[in-house]
Amino acid sequence: MHCSSCERVLERYLDGTLHRRRTIAVDRHLAVCASCKALLTELKVVDGLLATVGTPQPAPNFSFAIMAEARSLAAPRSRRAPLWPLLGLYVTIAWILAAAWLSVSGGDIRVLAQHGFGVTASAFSGLSSAAVSAFHGLGHGAPLIGIFVAGVLILDLALAIGVFIVYRVVRPRLAAQLVRTGEIS
């Protein structure tokens, strides 16, 4: 047996968990190798020291002190996303863009269609001609401005209703489903 093989099994040799043939081989090697014999003596000393170490006991009032400290801490608060400021920011930006568009185009919705902001000119021209005929009595720019303002308000209202539904209906149901499936506790 070589020293490297003997060193790997010395712990099991001390514990008495080696097979009989392997134990005999280690005994023969220890009889002729001084360095492995010294390592075995060192391992016996370490094992003896580890056996004398007791389990540390906490102070008698340890649990009480920890619980008192925990009660004195402020209760954790859940952080909620600041949703209403974001909605306010959206509405503000939408109205600033509406005012900028009105000042640039002079209130004509067909200018928006000619620049092609994601809508075809024919779809916008059909919308604007229907709006012009519906609001004909209010003046030339009034019907188009009214349609634009009404569109922004409807979009704002739809967004607010959607957020309300998500926070009041969808979110609690989703949380309950996650608890049922065990994904959150």
C-alpha atoms as a PDB file:
ATOM      1  CA  MET A   1       0.000   0.000   0.000  1.00  0.00           C
ATOM      2  CA  HIS A   2       1.252   3.491  -0.842  1.00  0.00           C
ATOM      3  CA  CYS A   3       1.087   6.474   1.516  1.00  0.00           C
ATOM      4  CA  SER A   4      -1.484   8.272  -0.671  1.00  0.00           C
ATOM      5  CA  SER A   5      -3.849   5.281  -0.475  1.00  0.00           C
ATOM      6  CA  CYS A   6      -3.316   4.942   3.269  1.00  0.00           C
ATOM      7  CA  GLU A   7      -3.929   8.633   4.032  1.00  0.00           C
ATOM      8  CA  ARG A   8      -7.302   8.554   2.248  1.00  0.00           C
ATOM      9  CA  VAL A   9      -8.650   5.741   4.446  1.00  0.00           C
ATOM     10  CA  LEU A  10      -7.177   6.651   7.866  1.00  0.00           C
ATOM     11  CA  GLU A  11     -10.427   8.265   9.085  1.00  0.00           C
ATOM     12  CA  ARG A  12     -12.411   5.141   8.252  1.00  0.00           C
ATOM     13  CA  TYR A  13      -9.627   3.058   9.836  1.00  0.00           C
ATOM     14  CA  LEU A  14     -10.034   5.015  13.086  1.00  0.00           C
ATOM     15  CA  ASP A  15     -13.826   4.669  12.935  1.00  0.00           C
ATOM     16  CA  GLY A  16     -13.542   0.927  12.299  1.00  0.00           C
ATOM     17  CA  THR A  17     -15.601   1.044   9.090  1.00  0.00           C
ATOM     18  CA  LEU A  18     -12.987  -0.423   6.713  1.00  0.00           C
ATOM     19  CA  HIS A  19     -13.275  -3.963   5.324  1.00  0.00           C
ATOM     20  CA  ARG A  20     -11.166  -6.559   7.065  1.00  0.00           C
ATOM     21  CA  ARG A  21      -8.680  -6.989   4.160  1.00  0.00           C
ATOM     22  CA  ARG A  22      -8.218  -3.218   3.849  1.00  0.00           C
ATOM     23  CA  THR A  23      -7.701  -2.878   7.623  1.00  0.00           C
ATOM     24  CA  ILE A  24      -4.952  -5.521   7.510  1.00  0.00           C
ATOM     25  CA  ALA A  25      -3.263  -3.665   4.622  1.00  0.00           C
ATOM     26  CA  VAL A  26      -3.359  -0.365   6.559  1.00  0.00           C
ATOM     27  CA  ASP A  27      -1.939  -2.129   9.672  1.00  0.00           C
ATOM     28  CA  ARG A  28       0.995  -3.495   7.617  1.00  0.00           C
ATOM     29  CA  HIS A  29       1.665  -0.068   6.081  1.00  0.00           C
ATOM     30  CA  LEU A  30       1.543   1.718   9.466  1.00  0.00           C
ATOM     31  CA  ALA A  31       4.086  -0.770  10.826  1.00  0.00           C
ATOM     32  CA  VAL A  32       6.688   0.338   8.251  1.00  0.00           C
ATOM     33  CA  CYS A  33       5.745   4.018   7.497  1.00  0.00           C
ATOM     34  CA  ALA A  34       6.574   6.606  10.157  1.00  0.00           C
ATOM     35  CA  SER A  35       4.839   9.533   8.392  1.00  0.00           C
ATOM     36  CA  CYS A  36       1.482   7.715   8.101  1.00  0.00           C
ATOM     37  CA  LYS A  37       1.830   6.581  11.722  1.00  0.00           C
ATOM     38  CA  ALA A  38       2.390  10.247  12.756  1.00  0.00           C
ATOM     39  CA  LEU A  39      -0.665  11.288  10.755  1.00  0.00           C
ATOM     40  CA  LEU A  40      -2.732   8.599  12.495  1.00  0.00           C
ATOM     41  CA  THR A  41      -1.568   9.880  15.894  1.00  0.00           C
ATOM     42  CA  GLU A  42      -2.501  13.434  14.894  1.00  0.00           C
ATOM     43  CA  LEU A  43      -5.961  12.290  13.789  1.00  0.00           C
ATOM     44  CA  LYS A  44      -6.457  10.524  17.142  1.00  0.00           C
ATOM     45  CA  VAL A  45      -5.575  13.748  18.975  1.00  0.00           C
ATOM     46  CA  VAL A  46      -8.003  15.782  16.869  1.00  0.00           C
ATOM     47  CA  ASP A  47     -10.767  13.215  17.409  1.00  0.00           C
ATOM     48  CA  GLY A  48     -10.074  13.305  21.167  1.00  0.00           C
ATOM     49  CA  LEU A  49     -10.267  17.089  21.251  1.00  0.00           C
ATOM     50  CA  LEU A  50     -13.511  17.081  19.270  1.00  0.00           C
ATOM     51  CA  ALA A  51     -15.014  14.559  21.680  1.00  0.00           C
ATOM     52  CA  THR A  52     -14.311  16.816  24.682  1.00  0.00           C
ATOM     53  CA  VAL A  53     -16.011  19.888  23.203  1.00  0.00           C
ATOM     54  CA  GLY A  54     -19.450  20.384  24.708  1.00  0.00           C
ATOM     55  CA  THR A  55     -22.509  21.900  23.113  1.00  0.00           C
ATOM     56  CA  PRO A  56     -22.751  25.603  23.932  1.00  0.00           C
ATOM     57  CA  GLN A  57     -25.909  26.533  25.840  1.00  0.00           C
ATOM     58  CA  PRO A  58     -27.585  29.890  25.293  1.00  0.00           C
ATOM     59  CA  ALA A  59     -28.295  32.199  28.204  1.00  0.00           C
ATOM     60  CA  PRO A  60     -31.453  31.327  30.181  1.00  0.00           C
ATOM     61  CA  ASN A  61     -33.318  34.428  28.933  1.00  0.00           C
ATOM     62  CA  PHE A  62     -32.059  34.175  25.344  1.00  0.00           C
ATOM     63  CA  SER A  63     -35.468  33.512  23.725  1.00  0.00           C
ATOM     64  CA  PHE A  64     -37.150  36.222  25.796  1.00  0.00           C
ATOM     65  CA  ALA A  65     -34.462  38.767  24.853  1.00  0.00           C
ATOM     66  CA  ILE A  66     -34.733  37.942  21.146  1.00  0.00           C
ATOM     67  CA  MET A  67     -38.540  38.154  21.173  1.00  0.00           C
ATOM     68  CA  ALA A  68     -38.439  41.463  23.068  1.00  0.00           C
ATOM     69  CA  GLU A  69     -36.038  42.854  20.481  1.00  0.00           C
ATOM     70  CA  ALA A  70     -38.259  41.638  17.640  1.00  0.00           C
ATOM     71  CA  ARG A  71     -41.337  43.262  19.199  1.00  0.00           C
ATOM     72  CA  SER A  72     -39.518  46.580  19.520  1.00  0.00           C
ATOM     73  CA  LEU A  73     -38.781  46.707  15.783  1.00  0.00           C
ATOM     74  CA  ALA A  74     -41.176  48.488  13.460  1.00  0.00           C
ATOM     75  CA  ALA A  75     -43.534  46.203  11.602  1.00  0.00           C
ATOM     76  CA  PRO A  76     -42.458  45.690   7.996  1.00  0.00           C
ATOM     77  CA  ARG A  77     -44.617  47.504   5.491  1.00  0.00           C
ATOM     78  CA  SER A  78     -45.258  46.254   2.040  1.00  0.00           C
ATOM     79  CA  ARG A  79     -44.179  48.612  -0.685  1.00  0.00           C
ATOM     80  CA  ARG A  80     -46.851  49.296  -3.203  1.00  0.00           C
ATOM     81  CA  ALA A  81     -46.108  50.713  -6.576  1.00  0.00           C
ATOM     82  CA  PRO A  82     -47.061  54.391  -6.787  1.00  0.00           C
ATOM     83  CA  LEU A  83     -49.778  53.813  -9.381  1.00  0.00           C
ATOM     84  CA  TRP A  84     -51.761  57.047  -9.140  1.00  0.00           C
ATOM     85  CA  PRO A  85     -48.744  59.314  -9.703  1.00  0.00           C
ATOM     86  CA  LEU A  86     -47.955  57.281 -12.827  1.00  0.00           C
ATOM     87  CA  LEU A  87     -51.513  57.682 -14.069  1.00  0.00           C
ATOM     88  CA  GLY A  88     -51.333  61.412 -13.354  1.00  0.00           C
ATOM     89  CA  LEU A  89     -48.081  61.616 -15.277  1.00  0.00           C
ATOM     90  CA  TYR A  90     -49.662  59.775 -18.215  1.00  0.00           C
ATOM     91  CA  VAL A  91     -52.668  62.132 -18.300  1.00  0.00           C
ATOM     92  CA  THR A  92     -50.403  65.185 -18.051  1.00  0.00           C
ATOM     93  CA  ILE A  93     -48.203  64.001 -20.905  1.00  0.00           C
ATOM     94  CA  ALA A  94     -51.263  63.108 -23.029  1.00  0.00           C
ATOM     95  CA  TRP A  95     -52.701  66.581 -22.609  1.00  0.00           C
ATOM     96  CA  ILE A  96     -49.365  68.283 -23.273  1.00  0.00           C
ATOM     97  CA  LEU A  97     -49.061  66.274 -26.495  1.00  0.00           C
ATOM     98  CA  ALA A  98     -52.654  67.183 -27.395  1.00  0.00           C
ATOM     99  CA  ALA A  99     -51.939  70.872 -26.826  1.00  0.00           C
ATOM    100  CA  ALA A 100     -48.727  70.646 -28.862  1.00  0.00           C
ATOM    101  CA  TRP A 101     -50.568  68.932 -31.712  1.00  0.00           C
ATOM    102  CA  LEU A 102     -53.335  71.534 -31.639  1.00  0.00           C
ATOM    103  CA  SER A 103     -50.835  74.387 -31.761  1.00  0.00           C
ATOM    104  CA  VAL A 104     -48.869  72.834 -34.648  1.00  0.00           C
ATOM    105  CA  SER A 105     -51.743  71.595 -36.792  1.00  0.00           C
ATOM    106  CA  GLY A 106     -54.206  74.343 -36.072  1.00  0.00           C
ATOM    107  CA  GLY A 107     -56.728  71.747 -34.882  1.00  0.00           C
ATOM    108  CA  ASP A 108     -56.910  69.823 -38.163  1.00  0.00           C
ATOM    109  CA  ILE A 109     -56.870  66.067 -37.548  1.00  0.00           C
ATOM    110  CA  ARG A 110     -56.032  65.438 -41.206  1.00  0.00           C
ATOM    111  CA  VAL A 111     -52.481  66.780 -40.552  1.00  0.00           C
ATOM    112  CA  LEU A 112     -51.975  63.865 -38.186  1.00  0.00           C
ATOM    113  CA  ALA A 113     -53.154  61.437 -40.857  1.00  0.00           C
ATOM    114  CA  GLN A 114     -50.831  62.920 -43.491  1.00  0.00           C
ATOM    115  CA  HIS A 115     -47.794  62.365 -41.242  1.00  0.00           C
ATOM    116  CA  GLY A 116     -48.817  58.723 -40.740  1.00  0.00           C
ATOM    117  CA  PHE A 117     -48.743  58.168 -36.987  1.00  0.00           C
ATOM    118  CA  GLY A 118     -49.690  54.482 -37.206  1.00  0.00           C
ATOM    119  CA  VAL A 119     -53.066  55.146 -38.875  1.00  0.00           C
ATOM    120  CA  THR A 120     -53.749  55.212 -42.585  1.00  0.00           C
ATOM    121  CA  ALA A 121     -54.835  58.475 -44.139  1.00  0.00           C
ATOM    122  CA  SER A 122     -57.998  56.909 -45.544  1.00  0.00           C
ATOM    123  CA  ALA A 123     -59.111  55.738 -42.089  1.00  0.00           C
ATOM    124  CA  PHE A 124     -58.507  59.176 -40.660  1.00  0.00           C
ATOM    125  CA  SER A 125     -60.175  60.981 -43.534  1.00  0.00           C
ATOM    126  CA  GLY A 126     -63.297  58.817 -43.094  1.00  0.00           C
ATOM    127  CA  LEU A 127     -63.288  59.609 -39.376  1.00  0.00           C
ATOM    128  CA  SER A 128     -62.745  63.304 -39.914  1.00  0.00           C
ATOM    129  CA  SER A 129     -65.439  63.610 -42.609  1.00  0.00           C
ATOM    130  CA  ALA A 130     -67.963  61.856 -40.330  1.00  0.00           C
ATOM    131  CA  ALA A 131     -66.951  64.132 -37.468  1.00  0.00           C
ATOM    132  CA  VAL A 132     -67.178  67.245 -39.630  1.00  0.00           C
ATOM    133  CA  SER A 133     -70.701  66.373 -40.686  1.00  0.00           C
ATOM    134  CA  ALA A 134     -71.720  65.585 -37.086  1.00  0.00           C
ATOM    135  CA  PHE A 135     -70.386  68.868 -35.657  1.00  0.00           C
ATOM    136  CA  HIS A 136     -70.936  71.091 -38.698  1.00  0.00           C
ATOM    137  CA  GLY A 137     -72.754  73.774 -36.760  1.00  0.00           C
ATOM    138  CA  LEU A 138     -69.925  74.389 -34.284  1.00  0.00           C
ATOM    139  CA  GLY A 139     -67.417  75.866 -36.721  1.00  0.00           C
ATOM    140  CA  HIS A 140     -64.511  74.542 -38.796  1.00  0.00           C
ATOM    141  CA  GLY A 141     -61.974  73.529 -36.093  1.00  0.00           C
ATOM    142  CA  ALA A 142     -64.405  72.725 -33.281  1.00  0.00           C
ATOM    143  CA  PRO A 143     -65.525  69.272 -34.441  1.00  0.00           C
ATOM    144  CA  LEU A 144     -62.001  67.968 -34.912  1.00  0.00           C
ATOM    145  CA  ILE A 145     -60.792  69.378 -31.607  1.00  0.00           C
ATOM    146  CA  GLY A 146     -63.854  67.943 -29.882  1.00  0.00           C
ATOM    147  CA  ILE A 147     -63.221  64.497 -31.345  1.00  0.00           C
ATOM    148  CA  PHE A 148     -59.582  64.606 -30.314  1.00  0.00           C
ATOM    149  CA  VAL A 149     -60.365  65.727 -26.758  1.00  0.00           C
ATOM    150  CA  ALA A 150     -63.133  63.129 -26.457  1.00  0.00           C
ATOM    151  CA  GLY A 151     -60.719  60.441 -27.704  1.00  0.00           C
ATOM    152  CA  VAL A 152     -58.078  61.370 -25.128  1.00  0.00           C
ATOM    153  CA  LEU A 153     -60.700  61.425 -22.362  1.00  0.00           C
ATOM    154  CA  ILE A 154     -62.090  58.026 -23.410  1.00  0.00           C
ATOM    155  CA  LEU A 155     -58.577  56.597 -23.492  1.00  0.00           C
ATOM    156  CA  ASP A 156     -57.897  58.035 -20.019  1.00  0.00           C
ATOM    157  CA  LEU A 157     -61.159  56.612 -18.694  1.00  0.00           C
ATOM    158  CA  ALA A 158     -60.468  53.180 -20.222  1.00  0.00           C
ATOM    159  CA  LEU A 159     -57.003  53.147 -18.687  1.00  0.00           C
ATOM    160  CA  ALA A 160     -58.326  54.114 -15.244  1.00  0.00           C
ATOM    161  CA  ILE A 161     -61.054  51.444 -15.407  1.00  0.00           C
ATOM    162  CA  GLY A 162     -58.513  48.838 -16.541  1.00  0.00           C
ATOM    163  CA  VAL A 163     -56.168  49.653 -13.672  1.00  0.00           C
ATOM    164  CA  PHE A 164     -59.057  49.559 -11.191  1.00  0.00           C
ATOM    165  CA  ILE A 165     -60.183  46.144 -12.456  1.00  0.00           C
ATOM    166  CA  VAL A 166     -56.655  44.749 -12.345  1.00  0.00           C
ATOM    167  CA  TYR A 167     -56.044  45.938  -8.777  1.00  0.00           C
ATOM    168  CA  ARG A 168     -59.465  45.110  -7.345  1.00  0.00           C
ATOM    169  CA  VAL A 169     -60.417  41.929  -9.236  1.00  0.00           C
ATOM    170  CA  VAL A 170     -57.552  40.288 -11.121  1.00  0.00           C
ATOM    171  CA  ARG A 171     -54.774  40.802  -8.578  1.00  0.00           C
ATOM    172  CA  PRO A 172     -56.600  39.224  -5.578  1.00  0.00           C
ATOM    173  CA  ARG A 173     -57.724  36.273  -7.710  1.00  0.00           C
ATOM    174  CA  LEU A 174     -54.202  35.739  -8.994  1.00  0.00           C
ATOM    175  CA  ALA A 175     -52.786  35.867  -5.459  1.00  0.00           C
ATOM    176  CA  ALA A 176     -55.394  33.336  -4.265  1.00  0.00           C
ATOM    177  CA  GLN A 177     -54.542  31.034  -7.178  1.00  0.00           C
ATOM    178  CA  LEU A 178     -50.819  31.254  -6.416  1.00  0.00           C
ATOM    179  CA  VAL A 179     -51.475  30.412  -2.762  1.00  0.00           C
ATOM    180  CA  ARG A 180     -53.637  27.428  -3.765  1.00  0.00           C
ATOM    181  CA  THR A 181     -50.975  26.057  -6.084  1.00  0.00           C
ATOM    182  CA  GLY A 182     -48.294  26.575  -3.445  1.00  0.00           C
ATOM    183  CA  GLU A 183     -46.140  28.946  -5.487  1.00  0.00           C
ATOM    184  CA  ILE A 184     -46.266  31.546  -2.712  1.00  0.00           C
ATOM    185  CA  SER A 185     -46.990  31.190   0.955  1.00  0.00           C
END
